[in-house]
Amino acid sequence: MQKLKSTKLLAGTLVIASVLTLNPIAASAEWKQDNKGWWYTEGNSWARGWRVIDGNLYYFKANGYMVNDSINMYFDKEYGLNSSGQFTNVTISGDWAFCKQTGKIVAYLGSESSINIPDKIDDITVTGIGAFAFASTKTTSATIPSTVTTIGTC
């Protein structure tokens, strides 16, 4: 009887392993487009807010569509938002997307609810916080350094 239970367990394990091999569990992500614009799928949903995709920073509105220079209503041109939706004057440094030319934080990319905004990023003084910098977060409190003199719309 013990040998039969072991055989059934082994057979069941092999069946499960075979199914997982044939149908791997993975998160799928891909770009899609329609007549309204581009969006980025994440599994069964679409991206919203700030996303770093292939090392580039993008912003997706609440309806999932990517913001680009032709429909830019919220972002300063100083960030270099191009027609492909990439913020070209922005570098990613840890949890921060930062515009070195202006000293502005463009986006917080971390997941902490309580944060300390640095006074410098990559040896550049942080002088401002851009519009919607915390739009994709659940940030509840932030300590802002005295070097910050401008804060955009939230």
N, C-alpha and C. Protein backbone atom coordinates (compact mmCIF):
# COMPACT_ATOMS: atom_id res chain seq x y z
N MET A 1 0.82 -1.19 0.00
CA MET A 1 0.00 0.00 0.00
C MET A 1 0.88 1.26 0.00
N GLN A 2 1.96 1.26 0.77
CA GLN A 2 2.87 2.40 0.85
C GLN A 2 3.52 2.66 -0.51
N LYS A 3 3.88 1.60 -1.23
CA LYS A 3 4.51 1.74 -2.53
C LYS A 3 3.53 2.36 -3.53
N LEU A 4 2.25 2.01 -3.45
CA LEU A 4 1.24 2.55 -4.34
C LEU A 4 1.05 4.06 -4.10
N LYS A 5 1.05 4.50 -2.83
CA LYS A 5 0.93 5.93 -2.51
C LYS A 5 2.12 6.70 -3.05
N SER A 6 3.32 6.14 -2.91
CA SER A 6 4.53 6.79 -3.41
C SER A 6 4.49 6.91 -4.92
N THR A 7 4.01 5.88 -5.60
CA THR A 7 3.92 5.89 -7.05
C THR A 7 2.92 6.95 -7.52
N LYS A 8 1.77 7.05 -6.83
CA LYS A 8 0.76 8.05 -7.19
C LYS A 8 1.30 9.47 -6.96
N LEU A 9 2.02 9.66 -5.87
CA LEU A 9 2.61 10.96 -5.57
C LEU A 9 3.61 11.35 -6.64
N LEU A 10 4.46 10.41 -7.02
CA LEU A 10 5.46 10.67 -8.05
C LEU A 10 4.79 10.98 -9.39
N ALA A 11 3.76 10.22 -9.74
CA ALA A 11 3.04 10.43 -11.00
C ALA A 11 2.37 11.80 -11.00
N GLY A 12 1.76 12.17 -9.88
CA GLY A 12 1.10 13.47 -9.77
C GLY A 12 2.10 14.61 -9.91
N THR A 13 3.24 14.46 -9.29
CA THR A 13 4.30 15.47 -9.36
C THR A 13 4.79 15.63 -10.80
N LEU A 14 4.96 14.53 -11.51
CA LEU A 14 5.41 14.58 -12.90
C LEU A 14 4.37 15.26 -13.80
N VAL A 15 3.10 15.00 -13.55
CA VAL A 15 2.05 15.65 -14.34
C VAL A 15 2.06 17.15 -14.13
N ILE A 16 2.17 17.59 -12.89
CA ILE A 16 2.21 19.03 -12.58
C ILE A 16 3.43 19.68 -13.21
N ALA A 17 4.58 19.03 -13.11
CA ALA A 17 5.81 19.57 -13.69
C ALA A 17 5.68 19.68 -15.21
N SER A 18 5.05 18.69 -15.84
CA SER A 18 4.86 18.73 -17.29
C SER A 18 3.95 19.88 -17.70
N VAL A 19 2.87 20.09 -16.97
CA VAL A 19 1.93 21.17 -17.29
C VAL A 19 2.62 22.52 -17.15
N LEU A 20 3.39 22.70 -16.08
CA LEU A 20 4.10 23.97 -15.88
C LEU A 20 5.15 24.20 -16.96
N THR A 21 5.77 23.14 -17.44
CA THR A 21 6.76 23.27 -18.49
C THR A 21 6.10 23.69 -19.80
N LEU A 22 4.95 23.10 -20.09
CA LEU A 22 4.26 23.43 -21.33
C LEU A 22 3.55 24.78 -21.26
N ASN A 23 3.09 25.19 -20.09
CA ASN A 23 2.40 26.46 -19.88
C ASN A 23 3.10 27.25 -18.78
N PRO A 24 4.26 27.84 -19.08
CA PRO A 24 5.00 28.54 -18.01
C PRO A 24 4.21 29.72 -17.47
N ILE A 25 4.38 29.94 -16.18
CA ILE A 25 3.75 31.07 -15.51
C ILE A 25 4.74 32.23 -15.61
N ALA A 26 4.32 33.28 -16.27
CA ALA A 26 5.19 34.44 -16.42
C ALA A 26 4.35 35.70 -16.60
N ALA A 27 4.90 36.78 -16.16
CA ALA A 27 4.22 38.06 -16.36
C ALA A 27 4.55 38.54 -17.77
N SER A 28 3.54 38.82 -18.54
CA SER A 28 3.79 39.30 -19.89
C SER A 28 3.63 40.82 -19.90
N ALA A 29 4.45 41.45 -20.68
CA ALA A 29 4.39 42.90 -20.82
C ALA A 29 4.70 43.22 -22.27
N GLU A 30 3.90 44.11 -22.85
CA GLU A 30 4.15 44.49 -24.24
C GLU A 30 3.52 45.83 -24.55
N TRP A 31 4.08 46.49 -25.57
CA TRP A 31 3.54 47.74 -26.07
C TRP A 31 2.37 47.45 -27.00
N LYS A 32 1.34 48.30 -26.93
CA LYS A 32 0.19 48.20 -27.83
C LYS A 32 -0.21 49.59 -28.27
N GLN A 33 -0.88 49.67 -29.43
CA GLN A 33 -1.28 50.96 -29.97
C GLN A 33 -2.65 50.86 -30.62
N ASP A 34 -3.42 51.94 -30.51
CA ASP A 34 -4.65 52.08 -31.28
C ASP A 34 -4.73 53.53 -31.76
N ASN A 35 -5.88 53.94 -32.27
CA ASN A 35 -5.98 55.30 -32.81
C ASN A 35 -5.89 56.40 -31.75
N LYS A 36 -5.96 56.05 -30.47
CA LYS A 36 -5.84 57.03 -29.39
C LYS A 36 -4.41 57.19 -28.90
N GLY A 37 -3.56 56.21 -29.16
CA GLY A 37 -2.17 56.30 -28.73
C GLY A 37 -1.60 54.96 -28.30
N TRP A 38 -0.50 55.05 -27.56
CA TRP A 38 0.23 53.88 -27.10
C TRP A 38 -0.07 53.60 -25.63
N TRP A 39 -0.03 52.32 -25.26
CA TRP A 39 -0.09 51.92 -23.86
C TRP A 39 0.79 50.71 -23.68
N TYR A 40 1.06 50.36 -22.44
CA TYR A 40 1.95 49.25 -22.10
C TYR A 40 1.20 48.30 -21.20
N THR A 41 1.06 47.06 -21.66
CA THR A 41 0.34 46.08 -20.86
C THR A 41 1.26 45.45 -19.84
N GLU A 42 0.69 45.13 -18.69
CA GLU A 42 1.40 44.42 -17.62
C GLU A 42 0.48 43.28 -17.19
N GLY A 43 0.68 42.12 -17.79
CA GLY A 43 -0.22 41.01 -17.52
C GLY A 43 -1.58 41.31 -18.13
N ASN A 44 -2.63 41.30 -17.32
CA ASN A 44 -3.98 41.55 -17.80
C ASN A 44 -4.41 43.00 -17.64
N SER A 45 -3.50 43.88 -17.26
CA SER A 45 -3.83 45.28 -17.04
C SER A 45 -2.88 46.15 -17.86
N TRP A 46 -2.97 47.44 -17.67
CA TRP A 46 -2.05 48.34 -18.35
C TRP A 46 -1.33 49.19 -17.32
N ALA A 47 -0.19 49.72 -17.75
CA ALA A 47 0.63 50.55 -16.88
C ALA A 47 -0.07 51.87 -16.61
N ARG A 48 0.12 52.38 -15.39
CA ARG A 48 -0.36 53.71 -15.01
C ARG A 48 0.74 54.38 -14.21
N GLY A 49 0.85 55.69 -14.37
CA GLY A 49 1.87 56.42 -13.63
C GLY A 49 3.25 56.25 -14.23
N TRP A 50 4.26 56.43 -13.41
CA TRP A 50 5.66 56.36 -13.86
C TRP A 50 6.09 54.92 -14.04
N ARG A 51 6.81 54.64 -15.12
CA ARG A 51 7.38 53.33 -15.36
C ARG A 51 8.74 53.50 -16.03
N VAL A 52 9.69 52.67 -15.60
CA VAL A 52 10.97 52.57 -16.28
C VAL A 52 10.90 51.30 -17.10
N ILE A 53 10.97 51.46 -18.42
CA ILE A 53 10.89 50.33 -19.34
C ILE A 53 12.14 50.36 -20.20
N ASP A 54 12.90 49.28 -20.18
CA ASP A 54 14.16 49.19 -20.92
C ASP A 54 15.07 50.38 -20.63
N GLY A 55 15.10 50.82 -19.37
CA GLY A 55 15.99 51.90 -18.96
C GLY A 55 15.49 53.30 -19.26
N ASN A 56 14.30 53.43 -19.87
CA ASN A 56 13.74 54.74 -20.19
C ASN A 56 12.54 55.03 -19.30
N LEU A 57 12.36 56.31 -18.97
CA LEU A 57 11.25 56.73 -18.13
C LEU A 57 10.05 57.13 -19.00
N TYR A 58 8.86 56.64 -18.62
CA TYR A 58 7.61 56.96 -19.30
C TYR A 58 6.57 57.32 -18.24
N TYR A 59 5.53 58.05 -18.67
CA TYR A 59 4.40 58.32 -17.79
C TYR A 59 3.12 57.91 -18.51
N PHE A 60 2.29 57.13 -17.80
CA PHE A 60 1.03 56.65 -18.34
C PHE A 60 -0.12 57.26 -17.54
N LYS A 61 -1.06 57.86 -18.26
CA LYS A 61 -2.22 58.48 -17.60
C LYS A 61 -3.10 57.41 -16.96
N ALA A 62 -4.09 57.83 -16.21
CA ALA A 62 -4.99 56.91 -15.50
C ALA A 62 -5.71 55.96 -16.45
N ASN A 63 -5.95 56.40 -17.69
CA ASN A 63 -6.61 55.53 -18.66
C ASN A 63 -5.64 54.60 -19.37
N GLY A 64 -4.36 54.65 -18.97
CA GLY A 64 -3.36 53.74 -19.51
C GLY A 64 -2.56 54.26 -20.68
N TYR A 65 -3.00 55.35 -21.30
CA TYR A 65 -2.28 55.86 -22.47
C TYR A 65 -1.03 56.64 -22.06
N MET A 66 0.02 56.43 -22.84
CA MET A 66 1.30 57.07 -22.60
C MET A 66 1.24 58.55 -22.97
N VAL A 67 1.86 59.38 -22.16
CA VAL A 67 1.99 60.80 -22.46
C VAL A 67 3.20 60.96 -23.38
N ASN A 68 3.04 61.77 -24.44
CA ASN A 68 4.18 62.10 -25.28
C ASN A 68 4.11 63.59 -25.61
N ASP A 69 5.07 64.08 -26.40
CA ASP A 69 5.13 65.52 -26.61
C ASP A 69 3.92 66.08 -27.36
N SER A 70 3.16 65.24 -28.06
CA SER A 70 1.99 65.75 -28.77
C SER A 70 0.78 65.90 -27.86
N ILE A 71 0.77 65.21 -26.71
CA ILE A 71 -0.35 65.34 -25.77
C ILE A 71 0.14 65.72 -24.38
N ASN A 72 1.23 66.46 -24.33
CA ASN A 72 1.83 66.87 -23.07
C ASN A 72 1.05 68.03 -22.46
N MET A 73 0.30 67.74 -21.40
CA MET A 73 -0.43 68.79 -20.71
C MET A 73 0.16 69.07 -19.33
N TYR A 74 0.98 68.17 -18.81
CA TYR A 74 1.41 68.27 -17.42
C TYR A 74 2.90 68.42 -17.21
N PHE A 75 3.70 68.07 -18.17
CA PHE A 75 5.14 68.00 -17.94
C PHE A 75 5.89 69.10 -18.66
N ASP A 76 6.87 69.64 -17.96
CA ASP A 76 7.69 70.69 -18.54
C ASP A 76 8.50 70.15 -19.71
N LYS A 77 8.66 70.96 -20.72
CA LYS A 77 9.48 70.57 -21.87
C LYS A 77 10.94 70.35 -21.48
N GLU A 78 11.34 70.91 -20.35
CA GLU A 78 12.73 70.78 -19.91
C GLU A 78 13.14 69.33 -19.65
N TYR A 79 12.16 68.45 -19.45
CA TYR A 79 12.48 67.04 -19.22
C TYR A 79 12.80 66.32 -20.52
N GLY A 80 12.61 66.97 -21.65
CA GLY A 80 12.92 66.35 -22.92
C GLY A 80 11.94 65.27 -23.32
N LEU A 81 10.67 65.46 -23.04
CA LEU A 81 9.65 64.49 -23.42
C LEU A 81 9.54 64.48 -24.94
N ASN A 82 9.79 63.32 -25.56
CA ASN A 82 9.78 63.26 -27.02
C ASN A 82 8.53 62.56 -27.55
N SER A 83 8.43 62.47 -28.87
CA SER A 83 7.24 61.90 -29.50
C SER A 83 7.10 60.41 -29.21
N SER A 84 8.17 59.76 -28.77
CA SER A 84 8.12 58.34 -28.39
C SER A 84 7.74 58.17 -26.93
N GLY A 85 7.51 59.27 -26.23
CA GLY A 85 7.09 59.21 -24.84
C GLY A 85 8.21 59.07 -23.83
N GLN A 86 9.45 59.10 -24.30
CA GLN A 86 10.60 58.97 -23.40
C GLN A 86 10.99 60.35 -22.86
N PHE A 87 11.34 60.36 -21.59
CA PHE A 87 11.87 61.57 -20.98
C PHE A 87 13.39 61.53 -21.18
N THR A 88 13.87 62.27 -22.17
CA THR A 88 15.26 62.14 -22.61
C THR A 88 16.26 62.91 -21.76
N ASN A 89 15.82 63.92 -21.01
CA ASN A 89 16.74 64.67 -20.15
C ASN A 89 16.70 64.17 -18.71
N VAL A 90 16.26 62.94 -18.53
CA VAL A 90 16.08 62.38 -17.20
C VAL A 90 17.00 61.17 -17.01
N THR A 91 17.66 61.13 -15.85
CA THR A 91 18.45 59.96 -15.51
C THR A 91 17.79 59.25 -14.33
N ILE A 92 18.02 57.96 -14.26
CA ILE A 92 17.50 57.15 -13.16
C ILE A 92 18.65 56.91 -12.19
N SER A 93 18.44 57.28 -10.94
CA SER A 93 19.45 57.08 -9.90
C SER A 93 18.77 56.49 -8.67
N GLY A 94 18.88 55.19 -8.51
CA GLY A 94 18.20 54.51 -7.41
C GLY A 94 16.70 54.63 -7.56
N ASP A 95 16.04 55.17 -6.54
CA ASP A 95 14.58 55.34 -6.55
C ASP A 95 14.14 56.66 -7.18
N TRP A 96 15.06 57.40 -7.78
CA TRP A 96 14.73 58.74 -8.26
C TRP A 96 14.95 58.85 -9.76
N ALA A 97 14.00 59.52 -10.44
CA ALA A 97 14.20 59.97 -11.81
C ALA A 97 14.48 61.46 -11.68
N PHE A 98 15.58 61.91 -12.24
CA PHE A 98 16.11 63.23 -11.94
C PHE A 98 16.55 63.93 -13.22
N CYS A 99 16.24 65.21 -13.35
CA CYS A 99 16.68 66.02 -14.47
C CYS A 99 17.91 66.80 -14.02
N LYS A 100 19.07 66.40 -14.47
CA LYS A 100 20.31 67.03 -14.04
C LYS A 100 20.43 68.48 -14.52
N GLN A 101 19.83 68.79 -15.68
CA GLN A 101 19.91 70.15 -16.21
C GLN A 101 19.19 71.16 -15.32
N THR A 102 18.10 70.74 -14.69
CA THR A 102 17.30 71.67 -13.88
C THR A 102 17.42 71.43 -12.38
N GLY A 103 17.92 70.26 -12.00
CA GLY A 103 17.99 69.92 -10.59
C GLY A 103 16.66 69.46 -10.02
N LYS A 104 15.70 69.15 -10.89
CA LYS A 104 14.37 68.73 -10.43
C LYS A 104 14.23 67.22 -10.37
N ILE A 105 13.58 66.78 -9.31
CA ILE A 105 13.16 65.38 -9.23
C ILE A 105 11.93 65.26 -10.12
N VAL A 106 11.98 64.35 -11.05
CA VAL A 106 10.88 64.13 -11.98
C VAL A 106 9.91 63.11 -11.42
N ALA A 107 10.46 62.04 -10.80
CA ALA A 107 9.59 60.98 -10.26
C ALA A 107 10.29 60.22 -9.15
N TYR A 108 9.50 59.82 -8.17
CA TYR A 108 9.94 58.88 -7.15
C TYR A 108 9.51 57.50 -7.61
N LEU A 109 10.45 56.59 -7.74
CA LEU A 109 10.19 55.26 -8.29
C LEU A 109 10.17 54.17 -7.23
N GLY A 110 10.37 54.56 -5.98
CA GLY A 110 10.42 53.59 -4.89
C GLY A 110 9.04 53.22 -4.38
N SER A 111 9.03 52.46 -3.30
CA SER A 111 7.76 51.97 -2.76
C SER A 111 7.55 52.35 -1.29
N GLU A 112 8.46 53.09 -0.71
CA GLU A 112 8.32 53.49 0.70
C GLU A 112 7.20 54.51 0.86
N SER A 113 6.49 54.45 1.96
CA SER A 113 5.42 55.42 2.19
C SER A 113 5.94 56.70 2.85
N SER A 114 7.04 56.61 3.54
CA SER A 114 7.65 57.76 4.18
C SER A 114 9.07 57.91 3.63
N ILE A 115 9.36 59.04 3.01
CA ILE A 115 10.65 59.18 2.34
C ILE A 115 11.39 60.44 2.77
N ASN A 116 12.68 60.41 2.58
CA ASN A 116 13.55 61.57 2.76
C ASN A 116 14.08 61.94 1.38
N ILE A 117 13.70 63.09 0.90
CA ILE A 117 14.18 63.55 -0.40
C ILE A 117 15.63 63.99 -0.22
N PRO A 118 16.53 63.49 -1.04
CA PRO A 118 17.95 63.85 -0.88
C PRO A 118 18.21 65.30 -1.30
N ASP A 119 19.25 65.90 -0.75
CA ASP A 119 19.60 67.25 -1.17
C ASP A 119 20.48 67.24 -2.42
N LYS A 120 21.05 66.06 -2.73
CA LYS A 120 21.85 65.90 -3.94
C LYS A 120 21.58 64.53 -4.54
N ILE A 121 21.59 64.48 -5.87
CA ILE A 121 21.52 63.21 -6.60
C ILE A 121 22.64 63.26 -7.63
N ASP A 122 23.50 62.26 -7.62
CA ASP A 122 24.66 62.23 -8.52
C ASP A 122 25.48 63.52 -8.44
N ASP A 123 25.66 64.03 -7.23
CA ASP A 123 26.43 65.25 -6.96
C ASP A 123 25.81 66.51 -7.55
N ILE A 124 24.55 66.47 -7.93
CA ILE A 124 23.83 67.65 -8.41
C ILE A 124 22.82 68.04 -7.33
N THR A 125 22.77 69.32 -6.97
CA THR A 125 21.85 69.79 -5.94
C THR A 125 20.40 69.67 -6.42
N VAL A 126 19.57 69.09 -5.57
CA VAL A 126 18.13 68.98 -5.85
C VAL A 126 17.50 70.32 -5.51
N THR A 127 16.95 70.99 -6.54
CA THR A 127 16.37 72.32 -6.35
C THR A 127 14.85 72.35 -6.52
N GLY A 128 14.29 71.27 -7.03
CA GLY A 128 12.85 71.27 -7.26
C GLY A 128 12.27 69.87 -7.33
N ILE A 129 10.96 69.83 -7.20
CA ILE A 129 10.20 68.59 -7.34
C ILE A 129 9.18 68.85 -8.43
N GLY A 130 9.22 68.04 -9.48
CA GLY A 130 8.36 68.25 -10.63
C GLY A 130 6.92 67.84 -10.41
N ALA A 131 6.07 68.27 -11.34
CA ALA A 131 4.64 67.94 -11.31
C ALA A 131 4.46 66.43 -11.36
N PHE A 132 3.63 65.91 -10.50
CA PHE A 132 3.27 64.49 -10.46
C PHE A 132 4.44 63.57 -10.11
N ALA A 133 5.45 64.10 -9.44
CA ALA A 133 6.61 63.29 -9.08
C ALA A 133 6.24 62.09 -8.21
N PHE A 134 5.15 62.20 -7.47
CA PHE A 134 4.75 61.12 -6.57
C PHE A 134 3.43 60.48 -7.01
N ALA A 135 3.06 60.67 -8.27
CA ALA A 135 1.77 60.20 -8.78
C ALA A 135 1.62 58.68 -8.74
N SER A 136 2.69 57.95 -8.82
CA SER A 136 2.60 56.48 -8.87
C SER A 136 2.89 55.83 -7.54
N THR A 137 2.86 56.60 -6.47
CA THR A 137 3.28 56.06 -5.18
C THR A 137 2.18 56.12 -4.15
N LYS A 138 2.44 55.47 -3.06
CA LYS A 138 1.56 55.54 -1.91
C LYS A 138 2.27 56.32 -0.79
N THR A 139 3.05 57.32 -1.19
CA THR A 139 3.81 58.13 -0.25
C THR A 139 2.85 58.93 0.64
N THR A 140 3.07 58.84 1.93
CA THR A 140 2.21 59.55 2.88
C THR A 140 2.94 60.71 3.55
N SER A 141 4.27 60.66 3.56
CA SER A 141 5.03 61.78 4.14
C SER A 141 6.40 61.86 3.48
N ALA A 142 6.90 63.09 3.42
CA ALA A 142 8.21 63.32 2.81
C ALA A 142 8.93 64.43 3.56
N THR A 143 10.21 64.22 3.78
CA THR A 143 11.06 65.25 4.35
C THR A 143 11.76 65.92 3.17
N ILE A 144 11.58 67.22 3.04
CA ILE A 144 12.10 67.97 1.90
C ILE A 144 13.29 68.81 2.35
N PRO A 145 14.42 68.71 1.66
CA PRO A 145 15.60 69.48 2.07
C PRO A 145 15.43 70.97 1.75
N SER A 146 16.19 71.79 2.39
CA SER A 146 16.10 73.25 2.22
C SER A 146 16.57 73.69 0.82
N THR A 147 17.25 72.81 0.10
CA THR A 147 17.71 73.15 -1.26
C THR A 147 16.55 73.23 -2.25
N VAL A 148 15.41 72.61 -1.92
CA VAL A 148 14.25 72.60 -2.81
C VAL A 148 13.54 73.95 -2.71
N THR A 149 13.45 74.65 -3.85
CA THR A 149 12.81 75.96 -3.87
C THR A 149 11.52 75.97 -4.69
N THR A 150 11.28 74.93 -5.48
CA THR A 150 10.05 74.86 -6.27
C THR A 150 9.45 73.46 -6.18
N ILE A 151 8.12 73.43 -6.11
CA ILE A 151 7.39 72.16 -6.09
C ILE A 151 6.25 72.29 -7.09
N GLY A 152 6.20 71.32 -8.02
CA GLY A 152 5.16 71.34 -9.05
C GLY A 152 3.82 70.85 -8.52
N THR A 153 2.83 70.88 -9.41
CA THR A 153 1.49 70.42 -9.09
C THR A 153 1.52 68.95 -8.73
N CYS A 154 0.71 68.58 -7.76
CA CYS A 154 0.66 67.17 -7.35
C CYS A 154 -0.62 66.53 -7.79
